[in-house]
Amino acid sequence: MSSFFGHSVVWLRRQIDDLLDVVYPPVCGICGRPAESGERLICEKCWEAVKGLEMPYCSGCKQFLPETLRCPECRPAPLVVFSLGYFDGPLKTIIHDLKFHGLKPLGAGLGRRLAEVLSSRADKLAIDFIIPVPLHISRYYARGFNQAEEIAREIGRRLDLAVRADLLYAARKTKQQAKLPAAQREINVRGAFAVPDRAEEILNGATILLVDDVTTTGATLREAARVLREATARRVVAAVAATAL
């Protein structure tokens, strides 16, 4: 009965959406043109303007990495980051609308495109599961959702990978990274994350895809990756919607 009810609700929502599209045709939130991409909020041309970076890069020195995914400059081995593009233009608007205007479906759009960026390397990466960068509980309840988790769930759906938001949590509230100079960001996030006691057995020997919305200096990603590796994960790579310069 509950399954039937659930399918009925989905069907009814689709009918209402179709009716609203006739009465109020959806327009792109960026350019104002008709939104015909199937995602309702952003048109296909604006999505096409979001170009993936040509290659993954090193979180330490920001150099693009070769097929080996090893940085020739940084030691120890740095965090490898995949990104949709730089944090400007349509991509910046999309992420702002997701985070600050509550447009959660944009997370799925970003996740779908990140999955496309990752798909060509999926076999080489051999990812076991995905972990979104967590929000502190106070920020989570203020926003109502974690934007990184919205992106991560669509990547997981597209690449057939489990998303484990329960294996990493924000142990303390930090200052907002965007408001701090680069030199203070590493200090700000030191000790910001932890794993629950039961997580170490699950993480043991695993390759983790760490997902976030935006990275600038990479401090948050590196700290989260450090905690996961110390909790026995074998390898951590990262995927972000945007890289801020």
Protein backbone atom coordinates (compact mmCIF):
# COMPACT_ATOMS: atom_id res chain seq x y z
CA MET A 1 0.00 0.00 0.00
CA SER A 2 2.78 2.44 0.92
CA SER A 3 4.59 1.68 -2.36
CA PHE A 4 1.41 2.32 -4.32
CA PHE A 5 0.86 5.57 -2.43
CA GLY A 6 4.45 6.66 -3.11
CA HIS A 7 4.13 6.02 -6.85
CA SER A 8 0.81 7.88 -6.88
CA VAL A 9 2.38 10.93 -5.27
CA VAL A 10 5.22 10.95 -7.83
CA TRP A 11 2.72 10.61 -10.68
CA LEU A 12 0.59 13.45 -9.27
CA ARG A 13 3.63 15.72 -8.92
CA ARG A 14 4.58 15.10 -12.53
CA GLN A 15 1.06 15.94 -13.67
CA ILE A 16 1.12 19.18 -11.67
CA ASP A 17 4.56 20.06 -13.08
CA ASP A 18 3.33 19.45 -16.63
CA LEU A 19 0.28 21.64 -16.03
CA LEU A 20 2.39 24.43 -14.54
CA ASP A 21 4.74 24.24 -17.54
CA VAL A 22 1.77 24.98 -19.80
CA VAL A 23 0.44 27.85 -17.69
CA TYR A 24 3.83 29.22 -16.59
CA PRO A 25 6.55 27.95 -18.97
CA PRO A 26 9.80 27.49 -17.02
CA VAL A 27 12.55 29.97 -17.77
CA CYS A 28 16.26 29.79 -17.06
CA GLY A 29 17.25 31.40 -13.79
CA ILE A 30 20.46 32.73 -15.37
CA CYS A 31 19.59 34.07 -18.82
CA GLY A 32 15.78 34.15 -18.78
CA ARG A 33 15.39 31.95 -21.87
CA PRO A 34 12.96 29.00 -21.84
CA ALA A 35 14.45 26.21 -19.71
CA GLU A 36 14.16 23.15 -21.91
CA SER A 37 17.00 21.08 -20.46
CA GLY A 38 14.67 18.83 -18.52
CA GLU A 39 16.02 20.22 -15.25
CA ARG A 40 13.56 23.13 -15.27
CA LEU A 41 15.77 25.72 -13.54
CA ILE A 42 18.66 26.22 -15.98
CA CYS A 43 18.55 26.13 -19.78
CA GLU A 44 20.78 23.85 -21.82
CA LYS A 45 22.89 26.74 -23.17
CA CYS A 46 23.79 27.90 -19.68
CA TRP A 47 24.61 24.34 -18.64
CA GLU A 48 26.81 24.03 -21.73
CA ALA A 49 28.68 27.15 -20.58
CA VAL A 50 29.80 25.15 -17.54
CA LYS A 51 32.88 23.43 -18.90
CA GLY A 52 34.82 20.85 -16.95
CA LEU A 53 38.49 21.51 -16.32
CA GLU A 54 40.63 19.72 -18.87
CA MET A 55 42.22 17.44 -16.28
CA PRO A 56 42.17 16.78 -12.54
CA TYR A 57 44.65 18.85 -10.56
CA CYS A 58 46.86 18.66 -7.49
CA SER A 59 45.31 20.30 -4.43
CA GLY A 60 48.76 21.38 -3.27
CA CYS A 61 50.32 23.17 -6.25
CA LYS A 62 47.21 23.32 -8.52
CA GLN A 63 49.08 21.73 -11.44
CA PHE A 64 47.02 19.64 -13.83
CA LEU A 65 47.88 15.98 -13.44
CA PRO A 66 48.79 13.43 -16.11
CA GLU A 67 47.10 10.07 -16.60
CA THR A 68 49.02 8.63 -13.66
CA LEU A 69 47.25 11.12 -11.33
CA ARG A 70 50.56 11.69 -9.55
CA CYS A 71 52.01 15.14 -8.95
CA PRO A 72 55.72 15.37 -9.89
CA GLU A 73 56.24 18.33 -7.54
CA CYS A 74 54.40 17.64 -4.29
CA ARG A 75 55.39 15.17 -1.58
CA PRO A 76 53.80 13.37 0.13
CA ALA A 77 51.25 12.36 -2.49
CA PRO A 78 48.72 15.22 -2.72
CA LEU A 79 44.96 15.11 -2.95
CA VAL A 80 43.74 14.75 -6.54
CA VAL A 81 40.80 17.06 -7.35
CA PHE A 82 38.28 16.78 -10.18
CA SER A 83 36.26 19.94 -10.88
CA LEU A 84 33.55 21.13 -13.24
CA GLY A 85 35.23 24.50 -13.74
CA TYR A 86 36.19 27.78 -12.15
CA PHE A 87 33.91 29.56 -9.70
CA ASP A 88 32.61 32.29 -11.97
CA GLY A 89 29.94 32.93 -14.60
CA PRO A 90 26.94 30.56 -14.72
CA LEU A 91 28.63 28.02 -12.45
CA LYS A 92 28.96 30.56 -9.64
CA THR A 93 25.31 31.56 -10.02
CA ILE A 94 24.16 27.93 -9.99
CA ILE A 95 26.07 27.15 -6.79
CA HIS A 96 24.83 30.31 -5.07
CA ASP A 97 21.25 29.44 -5.99
CA LEU A 98 21.73 25.93 -4.65
CA LYS A 99 23.28 27.00 -1.35
CA PHE A 100 21.54 30.25 -0.51
CA HIS A 101 18.20 30.06 -2.34
CA GLY A 102 17.41 26.45 -1.54
CA LEU A 103 17.19 25.27 -5.16
CA LYS A 104 18.12 21.67 -4.33
CA PRO A 105 17.47 20.26 -7.85
CA LEU A 106 20.57 22.17 -8.99
CA GLY A 107 22.62 19.78 -6.86
CA ALA A 108 21.50 16.92 -9.09
CA GLY A 109 22.45 18.90 -12.19
CA LEU A 110 25.93 19.54 -10.82
CA GLY A 111 26.25 15.92 -9.74
CA ARG A 112 25.27 14.64 -13.17
CA ARG A 113 27.96 16.68 -14.85
CA LEU A 114 30.60 15.75 -12.29
CA ALA A 115 29.74 12.10 -12.89
CA GLU A 116 30.43 12.68 -16.60
CA VAL A 117 33.84 14.16 -15.73
CA LEU A 118 34.65 11.19 -13.50
CA SER A 119 33.27 8.44 -15.71
CA SER A 120 36.30 8.19 -18.01
CA ARG A 121 38.55 7.58 -14.98
CA ALA A 122 36.14 5.43 -12.99
CA ASP A 123 37.94 2.15 -13.66
CA LYS A 124 41.35 3.59 -12.77
CA LEU A 125 40.07 5.28 -9.62
CA ALA A 126 38.29 2.12 -8.37
CA ILE A 127 36.19 4.11 -5.91
CA ASP A 128 34.49 2.09 -3.17
CA PHE A 129 32.03 4.75 -2.03
CA ILE A 130 31.38 8.49 -1.84
CA ILE A 131 31.51 10.72 1.24
CA PRO A 132 30.18 14.31 1.06
CA VAL A 133 32.01 16.95 3.08
CA PRO A 134 29.71 17.41 6.11
CA LEU A 135 28.23 20.61 7.47
CA HIS A 136 28.23 21.38 11.16
CA ILE A 137 24.83 20.54 12.59
CA SER A 138 24.01 24.21 13.23
CA ARG A 139 24.66 25.11 9.58
CA TYR A 140 22.79 22.04 8.40
CA TYR A 141 19.64 23.02 10.26
CA ALA A 142 19.95 26.67 9.23
CA ARG A 143 20.15 25.67 5.54
CA GLY A 144 17.93 22.60 5.73
CA PHE A 145 20.25 20.39 3.68
CA ASN A 146 23.89 19.78 2.83
CA GLN A 147 24.64 20.97 -0.71
CA ALA A 148 27.63 18.61 -0.96
CA GLU A 149 25.36 15.66 -0.19
CA GLU A 150 22.87 16.73 -2.89
CA ILE A 151 25.71 16.71 -5.44
CA ALA A 152 27.17 13.46 -4.10
CA ARG A 153 23.89 11.53 -4.31
CA GLU A 154 23.53 12.22 -8.01
CA ILE A 155 27.15 11.21 -8.67
CA GLY A 156 26.46 8.01 -6.77
CA ARG A 157 23.31 7.33 -8.75
CA ARG A 158 25.07 7.89 -12.07
CA LEU A 159 28.19 5.87 -11.22
CA ASP A 160 26.38 3.22 -9.17
CA LEU A 161 28.29 4.04 -5.99
CA ALA A 162 27.01 4.14 -2.42
CA VAL A 163 26.98 7.53 -0.68
CA ARG A 164 28.01 7.27 2.99
CA ALA A 165 27.21 10.56 4.69
CA ASP A 166 27.36 8.72 8.02
CA LEU A 167 31.11 8.07 7.99
CA LEU A 168 32.37 11.64 8.46
CA TYR A 169 30.93 14.42 10.59
CA ALA A 170 31.77 18.00 11.55
CA ALA A 171 33.21 17.77 15.05
CA ARG A 172 33.15 21.49 15.71
CA LYS A 173 31.82 24.67 14.15
CA THR A 174 34.42 26.62 12.19
CA LYS A 175 34.52 30.11 10.79
CA GLN A 176 33.40 30.37 7.19
CA GLN A 177 36.42 29.64 5.02
CA ALA A 178 35.41 32.17 2.35
CA LYS A 179 35.78 34.99 4.89
CA LEU A 180 39.32 34.08 5.91
CA PRO A 181 42.66 34.82 4.24
CA ALA A 182 44.36 31.79 2.72
CA ALA A 183 46.98 31.58 5.47
CA GLN A 184 44.33 31.06 8.17
CA ARG A 185 42.21 28.44 6.41
CA GLU A 186 44.37 25.43 7.28
CA ILE A 187 44.29 26.46 10.96
CA ASN A 188 40.55 27.08 10.88
CA VAL A 189 39.68 23.55 9.73
CA ARG A 190 42.29 21.65 11.74
CA GLY A 191 40.38 19.13 13.82
CA ALA A 192 37.06 20.13 12.26
CA PHE A 193 36.15 16.59 11.16
CA ALA A 194 35.95 13.20 12.78
CA VAL A 195 34.68 9.72 12.03
CA PRO A 196 32.39 7.69 14.30
CA ASP A 197 34.00 4.75 16.11
CA ARG A 198 32.32 2.15 13.91
CA ALA A 199 33.61 3.82 10.73
CA GLU A 200 37.20 2.58 10.85
CA GLU A 201 36.26 -0.98 9.99
CA ILE A 202 34.20 0.21 7.00
CA LEU A 203 36.90 2.62 5.81
CA ASN A 204 39.72 0.11 6.15
CA GLY A 205 41.55 -0.14 2.80
CA ALA A 206 38.83 1.73 0.90
CA THR A 207 39.21 4.32 -1.87
CA ILE A 208 36.95 7.26 -1.10
CA LEU A 209 35.54 9.96 -3.38
CA LEU A 210 35.19 13.10 -1.23
CA VAL A 211 32.62 15.56 -2.64
CA ASP A 212 32.12 19.28 -1.99
CA ASP A 213 30.60 22.25 -3.79
CA VAL A 214 33.51 24.74 -3.93
CA THR A 215 37.19 24.65 -3.04
CA THR A 216 39.67 27.53 -2.98
CA THR A 217 42.89 26.68 -1.16
CA GLY A 218 41.88 23.04 -0.71
CA ALA A 219 42.27 23.26 3.08
CA THR A 220 38.85 21.77 3.86
CA LEU A 221 39.31 18.89 1.43
CA ARG A 222 42.81 18.12 2.68
CA GLU A 223 41.71 18.08 6.31
CA ALA A 224 38.75 15.81 5.59
CA ALA A 225 41.01 13.53 3.53
CA ARG A 226 43.60 13.42 6.33
CA VAL A 227 40.99 12.31 8.84
CA LEU A 228 39.70 9.60 6.50
CA ARG A 229 43.19 8.29 5.81
CA GLU A 230 44.03 8.24 9.52
CA ALA A 231 40.83 6.23 9.97
CA THR A 232 42.36 3.55 7.69
CA ALA A 233 41.06 4.63 4.25
CA ARG A 234 43.64 3.60 1.64
CA ARG A 235 43.14 6.50 -0.73
CA VAL A 236 41.03 9.67 -1.01
CA VAL A 237 40.32 11.63 -4.19
CA ALA A 238 38.04 14.66 -4.41
CA ALA A 239 35.39 16.02 -6.74
CA VAL A 240 34.03 19.57 -6.49
CA ALA A 241 31.53 21.52 -8.52
CA ALA A 242 33.81 24.55 -8.73
CA THR A 243 37.35 25.72 -8.04
CA ALA A 244 37.72 29.31 -6.83
CA LEU A 245 40.88 31.11 -7.85
